[in-house]
């Protein structure tokens, strides 16, 4: 993957898009499939557990439908110059009805 004049060699499973829907606490085990799974669980719990939540690393999909810090996610990614590597590797969580990204994307 070429990203801001750097070349990264990543295993194809790391950049494979994954999306899961969390409907209750019993489905928390599926969150461990993502690199930042612990952060995602903490985010859901701090939000008050208003199900369903969607967790995904498919940035091609979520960048057009979600918002983050009162901006469309696509615009935020461009304005903040978020690397392609980070877009693929960091999963996000959002409520299905609100479409607002809940976890901190900058960390």
PDB file of N, CA and C in Angstrom:
ATOM      1  N   UNK A   1       0.841  -1.161   0.000  1.00  0.00           N
ATOM      2  CA  UNK A   1       0.000   0.000   0.000  1.00  0.00           C
ATOM      3  C   UNK A   1       0.896   1.238   0.000  1.00  0.00           C
ATOM      4  N   UNK A   2       0.665   2.129  -0.932  1.00  0.00           N
ATOM      5  CA  UNK A   2       1.396   3.395  -0.973  1.00  0.00           C
ATOM      6  C   UNK A   2       0.555   4.428  -0.246  1.00  0.00           C
ATOM      7  N   UNK A   3       1.214   5.140   0.675  1.00  0.00           N
ATOM      8  CA  UNK A   3       0.494   6.078   1.508  1.00  0.00           C
ATOM      9  C   UNK A   3       1.390   7.265   1.837  1.00  0.00           C
ATOM     10  N   UNK A   4       1.067   8.426   1.294  1.00  0.00           N
ATOM     11  CA  UNK A   4       1.846   9.640   1.525  1.00  0.00           C
ATOM     12  C   UNK A   4       3.343   9.399   1.333  1.00  0.00           C
ATOM     13  N   UNK A   5       3.707   8.921   0.169  1.00  0.00           N
ATOM     14  CA  UNK A   5       5.091   8.671  -0.224  1.00  0.00           C
ATOM     15  C   UNK A   5       5.807   7.621   0.631  1.00  0.00           C
ATOM     16  N   UNK A   6       5.067   6.747   1.244  1.00  0.00           N
ATOM     17  CA  UNK A   6       5.630   5.616   1.978  1.00  0.00           C
ATOM     18  C   UNK A   6       4.982   4.350   1.448  1.00  0.00           C
ATOM     19  N   UNK A   7       5.751   3.303   1.489  1.00  0.00           N
ATOM     20  CA  UNK A   7       5.248   2.014   1.034  1.00  0.00           C
ATOM     21  C   UNK A   7       5.123   1.090   2.237  1.00  0.00           C
ATOM     22  N   UNK A   8       3.935   0.503   2.425  1.00  0.00           N
ATOM     23  CA  UNK A   8       3.683  -0.432   3.519  1.00  0.00           C
ATOM     24  C   UNK A   8       3.344  -1.792   2.935  1.00  0.00           C
ATOM     25  N   UNK A   9       3.934  -2.807   3.502  1.00  0.00           N
ATOM     26  CA  UNK A   9       3.599  -4.175   3.121  1.00  0.00           C
ATOM     27  C   UNK A   9       2.692  -4.735   4.201  1.00  0.00           C
ATOM     28  N   UNK A  10       1.454  -4.989   3.834  1.00  0.00           N
ATOM     29  CA  UNK A  10       0.457  -5.476   4.774  1.00  0.00           C
ATOM     30  C   UNK A  10      -0.116  -6.792   4.286  1.00  0.00           C
ATOM     31  N   UNK A  11      -0.429  -7.652   5.227  1.00  0.00           N
ATOM     32  CA  UNK A  11      -1.076  -8.905   4.865  1.00  0.00           C
ATOM     33  C   UNK A  11      -2.477  -8.580   4.363  1.00  0.00           C
ATOM     34  N   UNK A  12      -2.923  -9.280   3.344  1.00  0.00           N
ATOM     35  CA  UNK A  12      -4.206  -8.959   2.725  1.00  0.00           C
ATOM     36  C   UNK A  12      -5.384  -9.100   3.691  1.00  0.00           C
ATOM     37  N   UNK A  13      -5.258  -9.917   4.739  1.00  0.00           N
ATOM     38  CA  UNK A  13      -6.340 -10.054   5.713  1.00  0.00           C
ATOM     39  C   UNK A  13      -6.497  -8.799   6.572  1.00  0.00           C
ATOM     40  N   UNK A  14      -5.421  -8.022   6.727  1.00  0.00           N
ATOM     41  CA  UNK A  14      -5.498  -6.799   7.524  1.00  0.00           C
ATOM     42  C   UNK A  14      -6.327  -5.711   6.858  1.00  0.00           C
ATOM     43  N   UNK A  15      -6.317  -5.688   5.538  1.00  0.00           N
ATOM     44  CA  UNK A  15      -7.052  -4.639   4.837  1.00  0.00           C
ATOM     45  C   UNK A  15      -8.359  -5.143   4.231  1.00  0.00           C
ATOM     46  N   UNK A  16      -8.717  -6.368   4.564  1.00  0.00           N
ATOM     47  CA  UNK A  16      -9.981  -6.916   4.088  1.00  0.00           C
ATOM     48  C   UNK A  16     -11.122  -6.234   4.836  1.00  0.00           C
ATOM     49  N   UNK A  17     -12.092  -5.643   4.117  1.00  0.00           N
ATOM     50  CA  UNK A  17     -13.191  -4.947   4.794  1.00  0.00           C
ATOM     51  C   UNK A  17     -14.071  -5.920   5.586  1.00  0.00           C
ATOM     52  N   UNK A  18     -14.374  -5.526   6.829  1.00  0.00           N
ATOM     53  CA  UNK A  18     -15.252  -6.306   7.693  1.00  0.00           C
ATOM     54  C   UNK A  18     -16.294  -5.380   8.290  1.00  0.00           C
ATOM     55  N   UNK A  19     -17.512  -5.877   8.400  1.00  0.00           N
ATOM     56  CA  UNK A  19     -18.590  -5.124   9.025  1.00  0.00           C
ATOM     57  C   UNK A  19     -19.408  -6.084   9.868  1.00  0.00           C
ATOM     58  N   UNK A  20     -19.675  -5.674  11.115  1.00  0.00           N
ATOM     59  CA  UNK A  20     -20.547  -6.470  11.970  1.00  0.00           C
ATOM     60  C   UNK A  20     -21.576  -5.555  12.608  1.00  0.00           C
ATOM     61  N   UNK A  21     -22.723  -6.128  12.933  1.00  0.00           N
ATOM     62  CA  UNK A  21     -23.778  -5.398  13.618  1.00  0.00           C
ATOM     63  C   UNK A  21     -23.902  -5.982  15.020  1.00  0.00           C
ATOM     64  N   UNK A  22     -23.836  -5.111  16.011  1.00  0.00           N
ATOM     65  CA  UNK A  22     -23.953  -5.514  17.412  1.00  0.00           C
ATOM     66  C   UNK A  22     -25.365  -5.158  17.876  1.00  0.00           C
ATOM     67  N   UNK A  23     -26.154  -6.182  18.196  1.00  0.00           N
ATOM     68  CA  UNK A  23     -27.528  -5.979  18.630  1.00  0.00           C
ATOM     69  C   UNK A  23     -27.713  -6.099  20.138  1.00  0.00           C
ATOM     70  N   UNK A  24     -26.738  -6.703  20.829  1.00  0.00           N
ATOM     71  CA  UNK A  24     -26.822  -6.858  22.283  1.00  0.00           C
ATOM     72  C   UNK A  24     -25.448  -7.219  22.833  1.00  0.00           C
ATOM     73  N   UNK A  25     -25.347  -7.312  24.159  1.00  0.00           N
ATOM     74  CA  UNK A  25     -24.072  -7.610  24.811  1.00  0.00           C
ATOM     75  C   UNK A  25     -23.515  -8.975  24.425  1.00  0.00           C
ATOM     76  N   UNK A  26     -24.372  -9.906  24.084  1.00  0.00           N
ATOM     77  CA  UNK A  26     -23.928 -11.255  23.733  1.00  0.00           C
ATOM     78  C   UNK A  26     -23.069 -11.280  22.480  1.00  0.00           C
ATOM     79  N   UNK A  27     -23.133 -10.261  21.678  1.00  0.00           N
ATOM     80  CA  UNK A  27     -22.383 -10.212  20.423  1.00  0.00           C
ATOM     81  C   UNK A  27     -21.062  -9.454  20.554  1.00  0.00           C
ATOM     82  N   UNK A  28     -20.681  -9.063  21.767  1.00  0.00           N
ATOM     83  CA  UNK A  28     -19.418  -8.340  21.986  1.00  0.00           C
ATOM     84  C   UNK A  28     -18.197  -9.165  21.578  1.00  0.00           C
ATOM     85  N   UNK A  29     -18.299 -10.468  21.581  1.00  0.00           N
ATOM     86  CA  UNK A  29     -17.153 -11.317  21.232  1.00  0.00           C
ATOM     87  C   UNK A  29     -16.684 -11.069  19.801  1.00  0.00           C
ATOM     88  N   UNK A  30     -17.578 -10.685  18.921  1.00  0.00           N
ATOM     89  CA  UNK A  30     -17.223 -10.442  17.519  1.00  0.00           C
ATOM     90  C   UNK A  30     -16.328  -9.218  17.351  1.00  0.00           C
ATOM     91  N   UNK A  31     -16.324  -8.320  18.328  1.00  0.00           N
ATOM     92  CA  UNK A  31     -15.550  -7.081  18.246  1.00  0.00           C
ATOM     93  C   UNK A  31     -14.052  -7.371  18.251  1.00  0.00           C
ATOM     94  N   UNK A  32     -13.648  -8.477  18.817  1.00  0.00           N
ATOM     95  CA  UNK A  32     -12.226  -8.819  18.917  1.00  0.00           C
ATOM     96  C   UNK A  32     -11.583  -9.083  17.554  1.00  0.00           C
ATOM     97  N   UNK A  33     -12.376  -9.158  16.503  1.00  0.00           N
ATOM     98  CA  UNK A  33     -11.837  -9.343  15.154  1.00  0.00           C
ATOM     99  C   UNK A  33     -11.088  -8.102  14.664  1.00  0.00           C
ATOM    100  N   UNK A  34     -11.316  -6.964  15.315  1.00  0.00           N
ATOM    101  CA  UNK A  34     -10.717  -5.708  14.889  1.00  0.00           C
ATOM    102  C   UNK A  34      -9.521  -5.358  15.759  1.00  0.00           C
ATOM    103  N   UNK A  35      -8.548  -4.649  15.175  1.00  0.00           N
ATOM    104  CA  UNK A  35      -7.328  -4.253  15.890  1.00  0.00           C
ATOM    105  C   UNK A  35      -7.625  -3.421  17.128  1.00  0.00           C
ATOM    106  N   UNK A  36      -8.591  -2.553  17.053  1.00  0.00           N
ATOM    107  CA  UNK A  36      -8.920  -1.657  18.163  1.00  0.00           C
ATOM    108  C   UNK A  36     -10.210  -2.100  18.862  1.00  0.00           C
ATOM    109  N   UNK A  37     -10.387  -3.393  19.039  1.00  0.00           N
ATOM    110  CA  UNK A  37     -11.600  -3.956  19.618  1.00  0.00           C
ATOM    111  C   UNK A  37     -11.910  -3.461  21.012  1.00  0.00           C
ATOM    112  N   UNK A  38     -10.895  -3.342  21.862  1.00  0.00           N
ATOM    113  CA  UNK A  38     -11.114  -2.881  23.233  1.00  0.00           C
ATOM    114  C   UNK A  38     -11.643  -1.447  23.254  1.00  0.00           C
ATOM    115  N   UNK A  39     -11.073  -0.615  22.422  1.00  0.00           N
ATOM    116  CA  UNK A  39     -11.541   0.776  22.314  1.00  0.00           C
ATOM    117  C   UNK A  39     -13.001   0.820  21.861  1.00  0.00           C
ATOM    118  N   UNK A  40     -13.357  -0.039  20.918  1.00  0.00           N
ATOM    119  CA  UNK A  40     -14.725  -0.073  20.402  1.00  0.00           C
ATOM    120  C   UNK A  40     -15.712  -0.483  21.494  1.00  0.00           C
ATOM    121  N   UNK A  41     -15.336  -1.474  22.307  1.00  0.00           N
ATOM    122  CA  UNK A  41     -16.201  -1.901  23.412  1.00  0.00           C
ATOM    123  C   UNK A  41     -16.396  -0.782  24.428  1.00  0.00           C
ATOM    124  N   UNK A  42     -15.320  -0.092  24.776  1.00  0.00           N
ATOM    125  CA  UNK A  42     -15.419   1.021  25.722  1.00  0.00           C
ATOM    126  C   UNK A  42     -16.316   2.128  25.165  1.00  0.00           C
ATOM    127  N   UNK A  43     -16.224   2.374  23.881  1.00  0.00           N
ATOM    128  CA  UNK A  43     -17.041   3.406  23.244  1.00  0.00           C
ATOM    129  C   UNK A  43     -18.516   3.050  23.317  1.00  0.00           C
ATOM    130  N   UNK A  44     -18.851   1.802  23.033  1.00  0.00           N
ATOM    131  CA  UNK A  44     -20.251   1.358  23.091  1.00  0.00           C
ATOM    132  C   UNK A  44     -20.782   1.482  24.518  1.00  0.00           C
ATOM    133  N   UNK A  45     -19.991   1.059  25.492  1.00  0.00           N
ATOM    134  CA  UNK A  45     -20.430   1.130  26.891  1.00  0.00           C
ATOM    135  C   UNK A  45     -20.585   2.576  27.353  1.00  0.00           C
ATOM    136  N   UNK A  46     -19.694   3.451  26.941  1.00  0.00           N
ATOM    137  CA  UNK A  46     -19.799   4.853  27.356  1.00  0.00           C
ATOM    138  C   UNK A  46     -20.958   5.566  26.665  1.00  0.00           C
ATOM    139  N   UNK A  47     -21.391   5.068  25.527  1.00  0.00           N
ATOM    140  CA  UNK A  47     -22.512   5.655  24.804  1.00  0.00           C
ATOM    141  C   UNK A  47     -23.850   5.273  25.443  1.00  0.00           C
ATOM    142  N   UNK A  48     -23.855   4.277  26.283  1.00  0.00           N
ATOM    143  CA  UNK A  48     -25.087   3.890  26.954  1.00  0.00           C
ATOM    144  C   UNK A  48     -25.741   2.656  26.378  1.00  0.00           C
ATOM    145  N   UNK A  49     -25.061   2.018  25.430  1.00  0.00           N
ATOM    146  CA  UNK A  49     -25.528   0.768  24.827  1.00  0.00           C
ATOM    147  C   UNK A  49     -26.920   0.898  24.202  1.00  0.00           C
ATOM    148  N   UNK A  50     -27.064   1.841  23.301  1.00  0.00           N
ATOM    149  CA  UNK A  50     -28.292   2.009  22.531  1.00  0.00           C
ATOM    150  C   UNK A  50     -28.146   1.264  21.212  1.00  0.00           C
ATOM    151  N   UNK A  51     -28.511   0.010  21.218  1.00  0.00           N
ATOM    152  CA  UNK A  51     -28.316  -0.868  20.074  1.00  0.00           C
ATOM    153  C   UNK A  51     -29.295  -0.533  18.960  1.00  0.00           C
ATOM    154  N   UNK A  52     -28.999  -0.906  17.732  1.00  0.00           N
ATOM    155  CA  UNK A  52     -27.833  -1.620  17.208  1.00  0.00           C
ATOM    156  C   UNK A  52     -26.693  -0.673  16.840  1.00  0.00           C
ATOM    157  N   UNK A  53     -25.490  -1.212  16.925  1.00  0.00           N
ATOM    158  CA  UNK A  53     -24.271  -0.512  16.522  1.00  0.00           C
ATOM    159  C   UNK A  53     -23.683  -1.225  15.316  1.00  0.00           C
ATOM    160  N   UNK A  54     -23.057  -0.473  14.469  1.00  0.00           N
ATOM    161  CA  UNK A  54     -22.345  -1.043  13.331  1.00  0.00           C
ATOM    162  C   UNK A  54     -20.863  -0.763  13.543  1.00  0.00           C
ATOM    163  N   UNK A  55     -20.070  -1.819  13.435  1.00  0.00           N
ATOM    164  CA  UNK A  55     -18.619  -1.704  13.534  1.00  0.00           C
ATOM    165  C   UNK A  55     -18.041  -2.137  12.200  1.00  0.00           C
ATOM    166  N   UNK A  56     -17.190  -1.289  11.641  1.00  0.00           N
ATOM    167  CA  UNK A  56     -16.651  -1.591  10.319  1.00  0.00           C
ATOM    168  C   UNK A  56     -15.281  -0.952  10.121  1.00  0.00           C
ATOM    169  N   UNK A  57     -14.508  -1.561   9.246  1.00  0.00           N
ATOM    170  CA  UNK A  57     -13.269  -0.945   8.786  1.00  0.00           C
ATOM    171  C   UNK A  57     -13.338  -0.700   7.278  1.00  0.00           C
ATOM    172  N   UNK A  58     -14.527  -0.792   6.714  1.00  0.00           N
ATOM    173  CA  UNK A  58     -14.755  -0.585   5.290  1.00  0.00           C
ATOM    174  C   UNK A  58     -14.917   0.919   5.024  1.00  0.00           C
ATOM    175  N   UNK A  59     -13.798   1.615   4.933  1.00  0.00           N
ATOM    176  CA  UNK A  59     -13.864   3.071   4.846  1.00  0.00           C
ATOM    177  C   UNK A  59     -14.481   3.538   3.535  1.00  0.00           C
ATOM    178  N   UNK A  60     -14.424   2.736   2.493  1.00  0.00           N
ATOM    179  CA  UNK A  60     -15.071   3.124   1.233  1.00  0.00           C
ATOM    180  C   UNK A  60     -16.580   3.251   1.423  1.00  0.00           C
ATOM    181  N   UNK A  61     -17.125   2.471   2.317  1.00  0.00           N
ATOM    182  CA  UNK A  61     -18.562   2.525   2.592  1.00  0.00           C
ATOM    183  C   UNK A  61     -18.889   3.611   3.611  1.00  0.00           C
ATOM    184  N   UNK A  62     -18.204   3.603   4.764  1.00  0.00           N
ATOM    185  CA  UNK A  62     -18.609   4.513   5.832  1.00  0.00           C
ATOM    186  C   UNK A  62     -18.249   5.968   5.581  1.00  0.00           C
ATOM    187  N   UNK A  63     -17.287   6.233   4.707  1.00  0.00           N
ATOM    188  CA  UNK A  63     -16.887   7.632   4.501  1.00  0.00           C
ATOM    189  C   UNK A  63     -17.998   8.465   3.867  1.00  0.00           C
ATOM    190  N   UNK A  64     -18.911   7.837   3.155  1.00  0.00           N
ATOM    191  CA  UNK A  64     -19.975   8.593   2.489  1.00  0.00           C
ATOM    192  C   UNK A  64     -21.262   8.685   3.297  1.00  0.00           C
ATOM    193  N   UNK A  65     -21.424   7.831   4.317  1.00  0.00           N
ATOM    194  CA  UNK A  65     -22.697   7.827   5.031  1.00  0.00           C
ATOM    195  C   UNK A  65     -22.613   8.342   6.467  1.00  0.00           C
ATOM    196  N   UNK A  66     -21.407   8.423   7.044  1.00  0.00           N
ATOM    197  CA  UNK A  66     -21.282   8.815   8.446  1.00  0.00           C
ATOM    198  C   UNK A  66     -20.757  10.237   8.597  1.00  0.00           C
ATOM    199  N   UNK A  67     -20.889  10.751   9.823  1.00  0.00           N
ATOM    200  CA  UNK A  67     -20.339  12.054  10.164  1.00  0.00           C
ATOM    201  C   UNK A  67     -19.421  11.901  11.375  1.00  0.00           C
ATOM    202  N   UNK A  68     -18.490  12.824  11.503  1.00  0.00           N
ATOM    203  CA  UNK A  68     -17.565  12.840  12.632  1.00  0.00           C
ATOM    204  C   UNK A  68     -17.246  14.294  12.947  1.00  0.00           C
ATOM    205  N   UNK A  69     -17.474  14.694  14.173  1.00  0.00           N
ATOM    206  CA  UNK A  69     -17.247  16.079  14.606  1.00  0.00           C
ATOM    207  C   UNK A  69     -17.971  17.069  13.701  1.00  0.00           C
ATOM    208  N   UNK A  70     -19.231  16.796  13.448  1.00  0.00           N
ATOM    209  CA  UNK A  70     -20.123  17.652  12.649  1.00  0.00           C
ATOM    210  C   UNK A  70     -19.670  17.858  11.205  1.00  0.00           C
ATOM    211  N   UNK A  71     -18.889  16.931  10.674  1.00  0.00           N
ATOM    212  CA  UNK A  71     -18.477  16.968   9.268  1.00  0.00           C
ATOM    213  C   UNK A  71     -18.790  15.613   8.655  1.00  0.00           C
ATOM    214  N   UNK A  72     -19.018  15.595   7.360  1.00  0.00           N
ATOM    215  CA  UNK A  72     -19.085  14.318   6.671  1.00  0.00           C
ATOM    216  C   UNK A  72     -17.733  13.632   6.842  1.00  0.00           C
ATOM    217  N   UNK A  73     -17.770  12.337   7.061  1.00  0.00           N
ATOM    218  CA  UNK A  73     -16.533  11.609   7.332  1.00  0.00           C
ATOM    219  C   UNK A  73     -15.541  11.757   6.182  1.00  0.00           C
ATOM    220  N   UNK A  74     -16.009  11.745   4.965  1.00  0.00           N
ATOM    221  CA  UNK A  74     -15.131  11.893   3.813  1.00  0.00           C
ATOM    222  C   UNK A  74     -14.369  13.219   3.887  1.00  0.00           C
ATOM    223  N   UNK A  75     -15.070  14.291   4.214  1.00  0.00           N
ATOM    224  CA  UNK A  75     -14.437  15.607   4.319  1.00  0.00           C
ATOM    225  C   UNK A  75     -13.444  15.641   5.480  1.00  0.00           C
ATOM    226  N   UNK A  76     -13.799  15.015   6.593  1.00  0.00           N
ATOM    227  CA  UNK A  76     -12.909  14.970   7.751  1.00  0.00           C
ATOM    228  C   UNK A  76     -11.610  14.238   7.407  1.00  0.00           C
ATOM    229  N   UNK A  77     -11.709  13.096   6.742  1.00  0.00           N
ATOM    230  CA  UNK A  77     -10.523  12.318   6.375  1.00  0.00           C
ATOM    231  C   UNK A  77      -9.583  13.127   5.483  1.00  0.00           C
ATOM    232  N   UNK A  78     -10.154  13.885   4.584  1.00  0.00           N
ATOM    233  CA  UNK A  78      -9.349  14.706   3.674  1.00  0.00           C
ATOM    234  C   UNK A  78      -8.737  15.898   4.417  1.00  0.00           C
ATOM    235  N   UNK A  79      -9.550  16.609   5.181  1.00  0.00           N
ATOM    236  CA  UNK A  79      -9.072  17.803   5.891  1.00  0.00           C
ATOM    237  C   UNK A  79      -7.966  17.481   6.892  1.00  0.00           C
ATOM    238  N   UNK A  80      -8.104  16.372   7.590  1.00  0.00           N
ATOM    239  CA  UNK A  80      -7.121  15.994   8.612  1.00  0.00           C
ATOM    240  C   UNK A  80      -5.964  15.167   8.050  1.00  0.00           C
ATOM    241  N   UNK A  81      -6.005  14.893   6.755  1.00  0.00           N
ATOM    242  CA  UNK A  81      -4.962  14.115   6.078  1.00  0.00           C
ATOM    243  C   UNK A  81      -4.713  12.770   6.777  1.00  0.00           C
ATOM    244  N   UNK A  82      -5.806  12.071   7.035  1.00  0.00           N
ATOM    245  CA  UNK A  82      -5.735  10.752   7.660  1.00  0.00           C
ATOM    246  C   UNK A  82      -5.194   9.767   6.621  1.00  0.00           C
ATOM    247  N   UNK A  83      -4.181   9.029   6.990  1.00  0.00           N
ATOM    248  CA  UNK A  83      -3.516   8.132   6.048  1.00  0.00           C
ATOM    249  C   UNK A  83      -4.426   6.973   5.631  1.00  0.00           C
ATOM    250  N   UNK A  84      -4.175   6.465   4.444  1.00  0.00           N
ATOM    251  CA  UNK A  84      -4.940   5.314   3.942  1.00  0.00           C
ATOM    252  C   UNK A  84      -4.728   4.096   4.832  1.00  0.00           C
ATOM    253  N   UNK A  85      -3.528   3.960   5.321  1.00  0.00           N
ATOM    254  CA  UNK A  85      -3.231   2.833   6.218  1.00  0.00           C
ATOM    255  C   UNK A  85      -4.131   2.882   7.446  1.00  0.00           C
ATOM    256  N   UNK A  86      -4.238   4.031   8.050  1.00  0.00           N
ATOM    257  CA  UNK A  86      -5.081   4.182   9.233  1.00  0.00           C
ATOM    258  C   UNK A  86      -6.553   3.978   8.890  1.00  0.00           C
ATOM    259  N   UNK A  87      -6.973   4.426   7.727  1.00  0.00           N
ATOM    260  CA  UNK A  87      -8.365   4.251   7.309  1.00  0.00           C
ATOM    261  C   UNK A  87      -8.727   2.774   7.204  1.00  0.00           C
ATOM    262  N   UNK A  88      -7.798   1.974   6.734  1.00  0.00           N
ATOM    263  CA  UNK A  88      -8.054   0.536   6.592  1.00  0.00           C
ATOM    264  C   UNK A  88      -7.925  -0.214   7.912  1.00  0.00           C
ATOM    265  N   UNK A  89      -6.966   0.174   8.742  1.00  0.00           N
ATOM    266  CA  UNK A  89      -6.672  -0.602   9.942  1.00  0.00           C
ATOM    267  C   UNK A  89      -7.529  -0.235  11.151  1.00  0.00           C
ATOM    268  N   UNK A  90      -8.009   0.979  11.224  1.00  0.00           N
ATOM    269  CA  UNK A  90      -8.794   1.403  12.388  1.00  0.00           C
ATOM    270  C   UNK A  90     -10.283   1.283  12.094  1.00  0.00           C
ATOM    271  N   UNK A  91     -10.946   0.462  12.875  1.00  0.00           N
ATOM    272  CA  UNK A  91     -12.389   0.288  12.721  1.00  0.00           C
ATOM    273  C   UNK A  91     -13.121   1.417  13.443  1.00  0.00           C
ATOM    274  N   UNK A  92     -14.317   1.711  12.978  1.00  0.00           N
ATOM    275  CA  UNK A  92     -15.151   2.718  13.623  1.00  0.00           C
ATOM    276  C   UNK A  92     -16.433   2.063  14.116  1.00  0.00           C
ATOM    277  N   UNK A  93     -17.093   2.739  15.042  1.00  0.00           N
ATOM    278  CA  UNK A  93     -18.384   2.284  15.539  1.00  0.00           C
ATOM    279  C   UNK A  93     -19.363   3.448  15.446  1.00  0.00           C
ATOM    280  N   UNK A  94     -20.574   3.141  14.977  1.00  0.00           N
ATOM    281  CA  UNK A  94     -21.623   4.151  14.927  1.00  0.00           C
ATOM    282  C   UNK A  94     -22.971   3.491  15.142  1.00  0.00           C
ATOM    283  N   UNK A  95     -23.914   4.306  15.651  1.00  0.00           N
ATOM    284  CA  UNK A  95     -25.264   3.796  15.828  1.00  0.00           C
ATOM    285  C   UNK A  95     -25.933   3.746  14.466  1.00  0.00           C
ATOM    286  N   UNK A  96     -26.706   2.713  14.271  1.00  0.00           N
ATOM    287  CA  UNK A  96     -27.341   2.505  12.969  1.00  0.00           C
ATOM    288  C   UNK A  96     -28.277   3.656  12.600  1.00  0.00           C
ATOM    289  N   UNK A  97     -28.950   4.245  13.590  1.00  0.00           N
ATOM    290  CA  UNK A  97     -29.909   5.305  13.269  1.00  0.00           C
ATOM    291  C   UNK A  97     -29.265   6.683  13.149  1.00  0.00           C
ATOM    292  N   UNK A  98     -28.224   6.977  13.933  1.00  0.00           N
ATOM    293  CA  UNK A  98     -27.624   8.319  13.928  1.00  0.00           C
ATOM    294  C   UNK A  98     -26.547   8.526  12.872  1.00  0.00           C
ATOM    295  N   UNK A  99     -25.800   7.481  12.571  1.00  0.00           N
ATOM    296  CA  UNK A  99     -24.713   7.537  11.593  1.00  0.00           C
ATOM    297  C   UNK A  99     -23.584   8.487  12.005  1.00  0.00           C
ATOM    298  N   UNK A 100     -23.416   8.699  13.319  1.00  0.00           N
ATOM    299  CA  UNK A 100     -22.315   9.508  13.839  1.00  0.00           C
ATOM    300  C   UNK A 100     -21.239   8.571  14.369  1.00  0.00           C
ATOM    301  N   UNK A 101     -20.006   8.786  13.940  1.00  0.00           N
ATOM    302  CA  UNK A 101     -18.892   7.974  14.422  1.00  0.00           C
ATOM    303  C   UNK A 101     -18.671   8.295  15.892  1.00  0.00           C
ATOM    304  N   UNK A 102     -18.638   7.269  16.723  1.00  0.00           N
ATOM    305  CA  UNK A 102     -18.578   7.455  18.169  1.00  0.00           C
ATOM    306  C   UNK A 102     -17.162   7.386  18.724  1.00  0.00           C
ATOM    307  N   UNK A 103     -16.306   6.559  18.140  1.00  0.00           N
ATOM    308  CA  UNK A 103     -14.957   6.441  18.695  1.00  0.00           C
ATOM    309  C   UNK A 103     -14.055   7.539  18.125  1.00  0.00           C
ATOM    310  N   UNK A 104     -12.956   7.777  18.831  1.00  0.00           N
ATOM    311  CA  UNK A 104     -12.014   8.816  18.451  1.00  0.00           C
ATOM    312  C   UNK A 104     -11.167   8.317  17.288  1.00  0.00           C
ATOM    313  N   UNK A 105     -11.261   8.963  16.168  1.00  0.00           N
ATOM    314  CA  UNK A 105     -10.550   8.501  14.974  1.00  0.00           C
ATOM    315  C   UNK A 105      -9.088   8.925  14.950  1.00  0.00           C
ATOM    316  N   UNK A 106      -8.707   9.933  15.713  1.00  0.00           N
ATOM    317  CA  UNK A 106      -7.337  10.451  15.661  1.00  0.00           C
ATOM    318  C   UNK A 106      -6.335   9.635  16.440  1.00  0.00           C
ATOM    319  N   UNK A 107      -6.766   8.855  17.389  1.00  0.00           N
ATOM    320  CA  UNK A 107      -5.805   8.108  18.208  1.00  0.00           C
ATOM    321  C   UNK A 107      -5.293   6.910  17.496  1.00  0.00           C
TER     322      UNK A 107
END
